[in-house]
Amino acid sequence: MNGDRGNEIIEDSAPWKRQVFSPGVDALIAEIRQLGGEAELERLFAQFRKEFEPALQQIRDRLMIVAMDRGMEI
């Protein structure tokens, strides 16, 4: 975490005033941070990252098979 824009989801939604999810979700993240819940947010996003990568890999693998079936070189 170096403070640069795009570095972390939680940090991007607050100081950079950048919409990361939706206005409602970003507002909830800001409120939770103000209430001292940053550690809970970190745990939540760690779990999200752990589950998100395998889901993305499955989508990619499925689309690669479809692309190869259509003759696309990969």
PDB file of N, CA and C in Angstrom:
ATOM      1  N   MET A   1       0.848  -1.161   0.000  1.00  0.00           N
ATOM      2  CA  MET A   1       0.000   0.000   0.000  1.00  0.00           C
ATOM      3  C   MET A   1       0.898   1.229   0.000  1.00  0.00           C
ATOM      4  N   ASN A   2       0.918   1.962  -1.111  1.00  0.00           N
ATOM      5  CA  ASN A   2       1.802   3.113  -1.204  1.00  0.00           C
ATOM      6  C   ASN A   2       1.063   4.437  -1.351  1.00  0.00           C
ATOM      7  N   GLY A   3      -0.245   4.414  -1.300  1.00  0.00           N
ATOM      8  CA  GLY A   3      -1.016   5.643  -1.377  1.00  0.00           C
ATOM      9  C   GLY A   3      -1.323   6.108  -2.787  1.00  0.00           C
ATOM     10  N   ASP A   4      -0.859   5.364  -3.785  1.00  0.00           N
ATOM     11  CA  ASP A   4      -1.149   5.736  -5.163  1.00  0.00           C
ATOM     12  C   ASP A   4      -2.554   5.312  -5.543  1.00  0.00           C
ATOM     13  N   ARG A   5      -3.162   6.098  -6.410  1.00  0.00           N
ATOM     14  CA  ARG A   5      -4.497   5.774  -6.894  1.00  0.00           C
ATOM     15  C   ARG A   5      -4.466   4.407  -7.578  1.00  0.00           C
ATOM     16  N   GLY A   6      -5.468   3.593  -7.285  1.00  0.00           N
ATOM     17  CA  GLY A   6      -5.549   2.274  -7.889  1.00  0.00           C
ATOM     18  C   GLY A   6      -4.831   1.207  -7.094  1.00  0.00           C
ATOM     19  N   ASN A   7      -4.246   1.592  -5.974  1.00  0.00           N
ATOM     20  CA  ASN A   7      -3.453   0.665  -5.172  1.00  0.00           C
ATOM     21  C   ASN A   7      -4.309  -0.323  -4.398  1.00  0.00           C
ATOM     22  N   GLU A   8      -5.344   0.149  -3.751  1.00  0.00           N
ATOM     23  CA  GLU A   8      -6.197  -0.699  -2.925  1.00  0.00           C
ATOM     24  C   GLU A   8      -7.648  -0.258  -3.047  1.00  0.00           C
ATOM     25  N   ILE A   9      -8.546  -1.231  -3.036  1.00  0.00           N
ATOM     26  CA  ILE A   9      -9.975  -0.930  -3.183  1.00  0.00           C
ATOM     27  C   ILE A   9     -10.467  -0.008  -2.079  1.00  0.00           C
ATOM     28  N   ILE A  10     -10.174  -0.337  -0.843  1.00  0.00           N
ATOM     29  CA  ILE A  10     -10.691   0.446   0.274  1.00  0.00           C
ATOM     30  C   ILE A  10     -10.139   1.863   0.240  1.00  0.00           C
ATOM     31  N   GLU A  11      -8.856   1.999   0.013  1.00  0.00           N
ATOM     32  CA  GLU A  11      -8.265   3.334  -0.008  1.00  0.00           C
ATOM     33  C   GLU A  11      -8.763   4.162  -1.184  1.00  0.00           C
ATOM     34  N   ASP A  12      -8.992   3.530  -2.329  1.00  0.00           N
ATOM     35  CA  ASP A  12      -9.456   4.269  -3.503  1.00  0.00           C
ATOM     36  C   ASP A  12     -10.852   4.830  -3.314  1.00  0.00           C
ATOM     37  N   SER A  13     -11.669   4.166  -2.521  1.00  0.00           N
ATOM     38  CA  SER A  13     -13.045   4.623  -2.387  1.00  0.00           C
ATOM     39  C   SER A  13     -13.163   5.833  -1.474  1.00  0.00           C
ATOM     40  N   ALA A  14     -12.111   6.177  -0.757  1.00  0.00           N
ATOM     41  CA  ALA A  14     -12.215   7.289   0.191  1.00  0.00           C
ATOM     42  C   ALA A  14     -11.406   8.507  -0.233  1.00  0.00           C
ATOM     43  N   PRO A  15     -10.078   8.515  -0.082  1.00  0.00           N
ATOM     44  CA  PRO A  15      -9.356   9.763  -0.309  1.00  0.00           C
ATOM     45  C   PRO A  15      -9.370  10.234  -1.762  1.00  0.00           C
ATOM     46  N   TRP A  16      -9.415   9.309  -2.709  1.00  0.00           N
ATOM     47  CA  TRP A  16      -9.388   9.711  -4.108  1.00  0.00           C
ATOM     48  C   TRP A  16     -10.779  10.097  -4.609  1.00  0.00           C
ATOM     49  N   LYS A  17     -11.798   9.857  -3.805  1.00  0.00           N
ATOM     50  CA  LYS A  17     -13.184  10.151  -4.184  1.00  0.00           C
ATOM     51  C   LYS A  17     -13.520   9.491  -5.515  1.00  0.00           C
ATOM     52  N   ARG A  18     -12.994   8.320  -5.702  1.00  0.00           N
ATOM     53  CA  ARG A  18     -13.193   7.559  -6.931  1.00  0.00           C
ATOM     54  C   ARG A  18     -14.274   6.516  -6.686  1.00  0.00           C
ATOM     55  N   GLN A  19     -15.235   6.429  -7.594  1.00  0.00           N
ATOM     56  CA  GLN A  19     -16.253   5.394  -7.443  1.00  0.00           C
ATOM     57  C   GLN A  19     -15.623   4.057  -7.771  1.00  0.00           C
ATOM     58  N   VAL A  20     -15.661   3.160  -6.806  1.00  0.00           N
ATOM     59  CA  VAL A  20     -15.063   1.848  -6.981  1.00  0.00           C
ATOM     60  C   VAL A  20     -16.142   0.820  -7.266  1.00  0.00           C
ATOM     61  N   PHE A  21     -17.226   0.879  -6.522  1.00  0.00           N
ATOM     62  CA  PHE A  21     -18.317  -0.069  -6.704  1.00  0.00           C
ATOM     63  C   PHE A  21     -19.543   0.679  -7.214  1.00  0.00           C
ATOM     64  N   SER A  22     -20.384   1.083  -6.323  1.00  0.00           N
ATOM     65  CA  SER A  22     -21.545   1.897  -6.654  1.00  0.00           C
ATOM     66  C   SER A  22     -21.584   3.005  -5.611  1.00  0.00           C
ATOM     67  N   PRO A  23     -22.319   4.072  -5.864  1.00  0.00           N
ATOM     68  CA  PRO A  23     -22.377   5.135  -4.860  1.00  0.00           C
ATOM     69  C   PRO A  23     -22.804   4.627  -3.482  1.00  0.00           C
ATOM     70  N   GLY A  24     -23.781   3.721  -3.443  1.00  0.00           N
ATOM     71  CA  GLY A  24     -24.251   3.200  -2.163  1.00  0.00           C
ATOM     72  C   GLY A  24     -23.199   2.380  -1.431  1.00  0.00           C
ATOM     73  N   VAL A  25     -22.523   1.488  -2.159  1.00  0.00           N
ATOM     74  CA  VAL A  25     -21.489   0.648  -1.540  1.00  0.00           C
ATOM     75  C   VAL A  25     -20.308   1.508  -1.106  1.00  0.00           C
ATOM     76  N   ASP A  26     -19.906   2.439  -1.940  1.00  0.00           N
ATOM     77  CA  ASP A  26     -18.789   3.319  -1.577  1.00  0.00           C
ATOM     78  C   ASP A  26     -19.124   4.140  -0.330  1.00  0.00           C
ATOM     79  N   ALA A  27     -20.379   4.583  -0.218  1.00  0.00           N
ATOM     80  CA  ALA A  27     -20.793   5.343   0.967  1.00  0.00           C
ATOM     81  C   ALA A  27     -20.744   4.462   2.211  1.00  0.00           C
ATOM     82  N   LEU A  28     -21.166   3.205   2.083  1.00  0.00           N
ATOM     83  CA  LEU A  28     -21.095   2.285   3.222  1.00  0.00           C
ATOM     84  C   LEU A  28     -19.654   2.048   3.654  1.00  0.00           C
ATOM     85  N   ILE A  29     -18.761   1.888   2.692  1.00  0.00           N
ATOM     86  CA  ILE A  29     -17.345   1.704   3.010  1.00  0.00           C
ATOM     87  C   ILE A  29     -16.816   2.925   3.763  1.00  0.00           C
ATOM     88  N   ALA A  30     -17.174   4.117   3.291  1.00  0.00           N
ATOM     89  CA  ALA A  30     -16.731   5.338   3.963  1.00  0.00           C
ATOM     90  C   ALA A  30     -17.269   5.410   5.389  1.00  0.00           C
ATOM     91  N   GLU A  31     -18.535   5.056   5.571  1.00  0.00           N
ATOM     92  CA  GLU A  31     -19.127   5.081   6.911  1.00  0.00           C
ATOM     93  C   GLU A  31     -18.450   4.074   7.840  1.00  0.00           C
ATOM     94  N   ILE A  32     -18.206   2.876   7.334  1.00  0.00           N
ATOM     95  CA  ILE A  32     -17.557   1.840   8.148  1.00  0.00           C
ATOM     96  C   ILE A  32     -16.154   2.284   8.547  1.00  0.00           C
ATOM     97  N   ARG A  33     -15.441   2.923   7.613  1.00  0.00           N
ATOM     98  CA  ARG A  33     -14.100   3.438   7.942  1.00  0.00           C
ATOM     99  C   ARG A  33     -14.182   4.498   9.030  1.00  0.00           C
ATOM    100  N   GLN A  34     -15.145   5.400   8.916  1.00  0.00           N
ATOM    101  CA  GLN A  34     -15.295   6.457   9.920  1.00  0.00           C
ATOM    102  C   GLN A  34     -15.623   5.890  11.298  1.00  0.00           C
ATOM    103  N   LEU A  35     -16.283   4.750  11.324  1.00  0.00           N
ATOM    104  CA  LEU A  35     -16.652   4.117  12.585  1.00  0.00           C
ATOM    105  C   LEU A  35     -15.551   3.207  13.127  1.00  0.00           C
ATOM    106  N   GLY A  36     -14.421   3.184  12.456  1.00  0.00           N
ATOM    107  CA  GLY A  36     -13.284   2.402  12.932  1.00  0.00           C
ATOM    108  C   GLY A  36     -13.288   0.957  12.475  1.00  0.00           C
ATOM    109  N   GLY A  37     -13.988   0.657  11.424  1.00  0.00           N
ATOM    110  CA  GLY A  37     -14.111  -0.720  10.961  1.00  0.00           C
ATOM    111  C   GLY A  37     -13.191  -1.111   9.832  1.00  0.00           C
ATOM    112  N   GLU A  38     -12.069  -0.422   9.689  1.00  0.00           N
ATOM    113  CA  GLU A  38     -11.168  -0.715   8.571  1.00  0.00           C
ATOM    114  C   GLU A  38     -10.633  -2.151   8.611  1.00  0.00           C
ATOM    115  N   ALA A  39     -10.340  -2.676   9.807  1.00  0.00           N
ATOM    116  CA  ALA A  39      -9.837  -4.053   9.907  1.00  0.00           C
ATOM    117  C   ALA A  39     -10.887  -5.048   9.406  1.00  0.00           C
ATOM    118  N   GLU A  40     -12.148  -4.780   9.713  1.00  0.00           N
ATOM    119  CA  GLU A  40     -13.212  -5.656   9.221  1.00  0.00           C
ATOM    120  C   GLU A  40     -13.333  -5.585   7.709  1.00  0.00           C
ATOM    121  N   LEU A  41     -13.193  -4.383   7.168  1.00  0.00           N
ATOM    122  CA  LEU A  41     -13.217  -4.241   5.713  1.00  0.00           C
ATOM    123  C   LEU A  41     -12.059  -4.993   5.078  1.00  0.00           C
ATOM    124  N   GLU A  42     -10.883  -4.900   5.678  1.00  0.00           N
ATOM    125  CA  GLU A  42      -9.714  -5.611   5.149  1.00  0.00           C
ATOM    126  C   GLU A  42      -9.963  -7.117   5.133  1.00  0.00           C
ATOM    127  N   ARG A  43     -10.545  -7.650   6.204  1.00  0.00           N
ATOM    128  CA  ARG A  43     -10.845  -9.090   6.245  1.00  0.00           C
ATOM    129  C   ARG A  43     -11.859  -9.464   5.173  1.00  0.00           C
ATOM    130  N   LEU A  44     -12.874  -8.636   5.005  1.00  0.00           N
ATOM    131  CA  LEU A  44     -13.890  -8.898   3.992  1.00  0.00           C
ATOM    132  C   LEU A  44     -13.273  -8.913   2.592  1.00  0.00           C
ATOM    133  N   PHE A  45     -12.437  -7.926   2.290  1.00  0.00           N
ATOM    134  CA  PHE A  45     -11.849  -7.866   0.960  1.00  0.00           C
ATOM    135  C   PHE A  45     -10.809  -8.958   0.745  1.00  0.00           C
ATOM    136  N   ALA A  46     -10.135  -9.396   1.789  1.00  0.00           N
ATOM    137  CA  ALA A  46      -9.203 -10.517   1.667  1.00  0.00           C
ATOM    138  C   ALA A  46      -9.971 -11.778   1.269  1.00  0.00           C
ATOM    139  N   GLN A  47     -11.125 -11.992   1.884  1.00  0.00           N
ATOM    140  CA  GLN A  47     -11.965 -13.138   1.533  1.00  0.00           C
ATOM    141  C   GLN A  47     -12.483 -12.995   0.105  1.00  0.00           C
ATOM    142  N   PHE A  48     -12.873 -11.788  -0.262  1.00  0.00           N
ATOM    143  CA  PHE A  48     -13.365 -11.515  -1.615  1.00  0.00           C
ATOM    144  C   PHE A  48     -12.294 -11.851  -2.646  1.00  0.00           C
ATOM    145  N   ARG A  49     -11.064 -11.390  -2.397  1.00  0.00           N
ATOM    146  CA  ARG A  49      -9.963 -11.664  -3.333  1.00  0.00           C
ATOM    147  C   ARG A  49      -9.710 -13.154  -3.455  1.00  0.00           C
ATOM    148  N   LYS A  50      -9.781 -13.862  -2.330  1.00  0.00           N
ATOM    149  CA  LYS A  50      -9.511 -15.299  -2.315  1.00  0.00           C
ATOM    150  C   LYS A  50     -10.527 -16.046  -3.179  1.00  0.00           C
ATOM    151  N   GLU A  51     -11.765 -15.621  -3.152  1.00  0.00           N
ATOM    152  CA  GLU A  51     -12.824 -16.287  -3.920  1.00  0.00           C
ATOM    153  C   GLU A  51     -12.926 -15.763  -5.348  1.00  0.00           C
ATOM    154  N   PHE A  52     -12.530 -14.517  -5.568  1.00  0.00           N
ATOM    155  CA  PHE A  52     -12.709 -13.869  -6.861  1.00  0.00           C
ATOM    156  C   PHE A  52     -11.754 -14.420  -7.918  1.00  0.00           C
ATOM    157  N   GLU A  53     -10.500 -14.628  -7.541  1.00  0.00           N
ATOM    158  CA  GLU A  53      -9.519 -15.102  -8.516  1.00  0.00           C
ATOM    159  C   GLU A  53      -9.897 -16.453  -9.113  1.00  0.00           C
ATOM    160  N   PRO A  54     -10.259 -17.461  -8.308  1.00  0.00           N
ATOM    161  CA  PRO A  54     -10.667 -18.739  -8.912  1.00  0.00           C
ATOM    162  C   PRO A  54     -11.892 -18.601  -9.821  1.00  0.00           C
ATOM    163  N   ALA A  55     -12.827 -17.733  -9.440  1.00  0.00           N
ATOM    164  CA  ALA A  55     -14.008 -17.523 -10.286  1.00  0.00           C
ATOM    165  C   ALA A  55     -13.603 -16.936 -11.628  1.00  0.00           C
ATOM    166  N   LEU A  56     -12.682 -15.974 -11.616  1.00  0.00           N
ATOM    167  CA  LEU A  56     -12.197 -15.385 -12.869  1.00  0.00           C
ATOM    168  C   LEU A  56     -11.447 -16.415 -13.707  1.00  0.00           C
ATOM    169  N   GLN A  57     -10.663 -17.271 -13.059  1.00  0.00           N
ATOM    170  CA  GLN A  57      -9.941 -18.314 -13.783  1.00  0.00           C
ATOM    171  C   GLN A  57     -10.899 -19.277 -14.463  1.00  0.00           C
ATOM    172  N   GLN A  58     -11.985 -19.620 -13.792  1.00  0.00           N
ATOM    173  CA  GLN A  58     -12.976 -20.516 -14.395  1.00  0.00           C
ATOM    174  C   GLN A  58     -13.621 -19.883 -15.623  1.00  0.00           C
ATOM    175  N   ILE A  59     -13.951 -18.607 -15.533  1.00  0.00           N
ATOM    176  CA  ILE A  59     -14.538 -17.904 -16.679  1.00  0.00           C
ATOM    177  C   ILE A  59     -13.553 -17.886 -17.838  1.00  0.00           C
ATOM    178  N   ARG A  60     -12.293 -17.519 -17.532  1.00  0.00           N
ATOM    179  CA  ARG A  60     -11.271 -17.479 -18.572  1.00  0.00           C
ATOM    180  C   ARG A  60     -11.096 -18.838 -19.224  1.00  0.00           C
ATOM    181  N   ASP A  61     -11.000 -19.894 -18.429  1.00  0.00           N
ATOM    182  CA  ASP A  61     -10.793 -21.233 -18.966  1.00  0.00           C
ATOM    183  C   ASP A  61     -11.948 -21.652 -19.876  1.00  0.00           C
ATOM    184  N   ARG A  62     -13.173 -21.359 -19.440  1.00  0.00           N
ATOM    185  CA  ARG A  62     -14.342 -21.686 -20.254  1.00  0.00           C
ATOM    186  C   ARG A  62     -14.322 -20.926 -21.573  1.00  0.00           C
ATOM    187  N   LEU A  63     -14.005 -19.635 -21.515  1.00  0.00           N
ATOM    188  CA  LEU A  63     -13.974 -18.815 -22.734  1.00  0.00           C
ATOM    189  C   LEU A  63     -12.828 -19.219 -23.654  1.00  0.00           C
ATOM    190  N   MET A  64     -11.722 -19.680 -23.075  1.00  0.00           N
ATOM    191  CA  MET A  64     -10.604 -20.145 -23.913  1.00  0.00           C
ATOM    192  C   MET A  64     -11.005 -21.383 -24.702  1.00  0.00           C
ATOM    193  N   ILE A  65     -11.735 -22.288 -24.067  1.00  0.00           N
ATOM    194  CA  ILE A  65     -12.195 -23.497 -24.757  1.00  0.00           C
ATOM    195  C   ILE A  65     -13.130 -23.121 -25.899  1.00  0.00           C
ATOM    196  N   VAL A  66     -14.059 -22.216 -25.636  1.00  0.00           N
ATOM    197  CA  VAL A  66     -14.985 -21.759 -26.681  1.00  0.00           C
ATOM    198  C   VAL A  66     -14.207 -21.102 -27.822  1.00  0.00           C
ATOM    199  N   ALA A  67     -13.235 -20.258 -27.486  1.00  0.00           N
ATOM    200  CA  ALA A  67     -12.448 -19.563 -28.508  1.00  0.00           C
ATOM    201  C   ALA A  67     -11.651 -20.559 -29.346  1.00  0.00           C
ATOM    202  N   MET A  68     -11.045 -21.547 -28.702  1.00  0.00           N
ATOM    203  CA  MET A  68     -10.266 -22.540 -29.447  1.00  0.00           C
ATOM    204  C   MET A  68     -11.171 -23.388 -30.330  1.00  0.00           C
ATOM    205  N   ASP A  69     -12.373 -23.702 -29.850  1.00  0.00           N
ATOM    206  CA  ASP A  69     -13.342 -24.445 -30.666  1.00  0.00           C
ATOM    207  C   ASP A  69     -13.729 -23.669 -31.916  1.00  0.00           C
ATOM    208  N   ARG A  70     -13.683 -22.354 -31.823  1.00  0.00           N
ATOM    209  CA  ARG A  70     -14.020 -21.500 -32.975  1.00  0.00           C
ATOM    210  C   ARG A  70     -12.821 -21.239 -33.861  1.00  0.00           C
ATOM    211  N   GLY A  71     -11.663 -21.797 -33.496  1.00  0.00           N
ATOM    212  CA  GLY A  71     -10.478 -21.671 -34.334  1.00  0.00           C
ATOM    213  C   GLY A  71      -9.546 -20.545 -33.944  1.00  0.00           C
ATOM    214  N   MET A  72      -9.804 -19.877 -32.838  1.00  0.00           N
ATOM    215  CA  MET A  72      -8.929 -18.801 -32.406  1.00  0.00           C
ATOM    216  C   MET A  72      -7.617 -19.384 -31.883  1.00  0.00           C
ATOM    217  N   GLU A  73      -6.514 -18.793 -32.307  1.00  0.00           N
ATOM    218  CA  GLU A  73      -5.208 -19.238 -31.805  1.00  0.00           C
ATOM    219  C   GLU A  73      -4.918 -18.528 -30.493  1.00  0.00           C
ATOM    220  N   ILE A  74      -4.541 -19.314 -29.507  1.00  0.00           N
ATOM    221  CA  ILE A  74      -4.270 -18.739 -28.184  1.00  0.00           C
ATOM    222  C   ILE A  74      -2.867 -19.088 -27.757  1.00  0.00           C
TER     223      ILE A  74
END
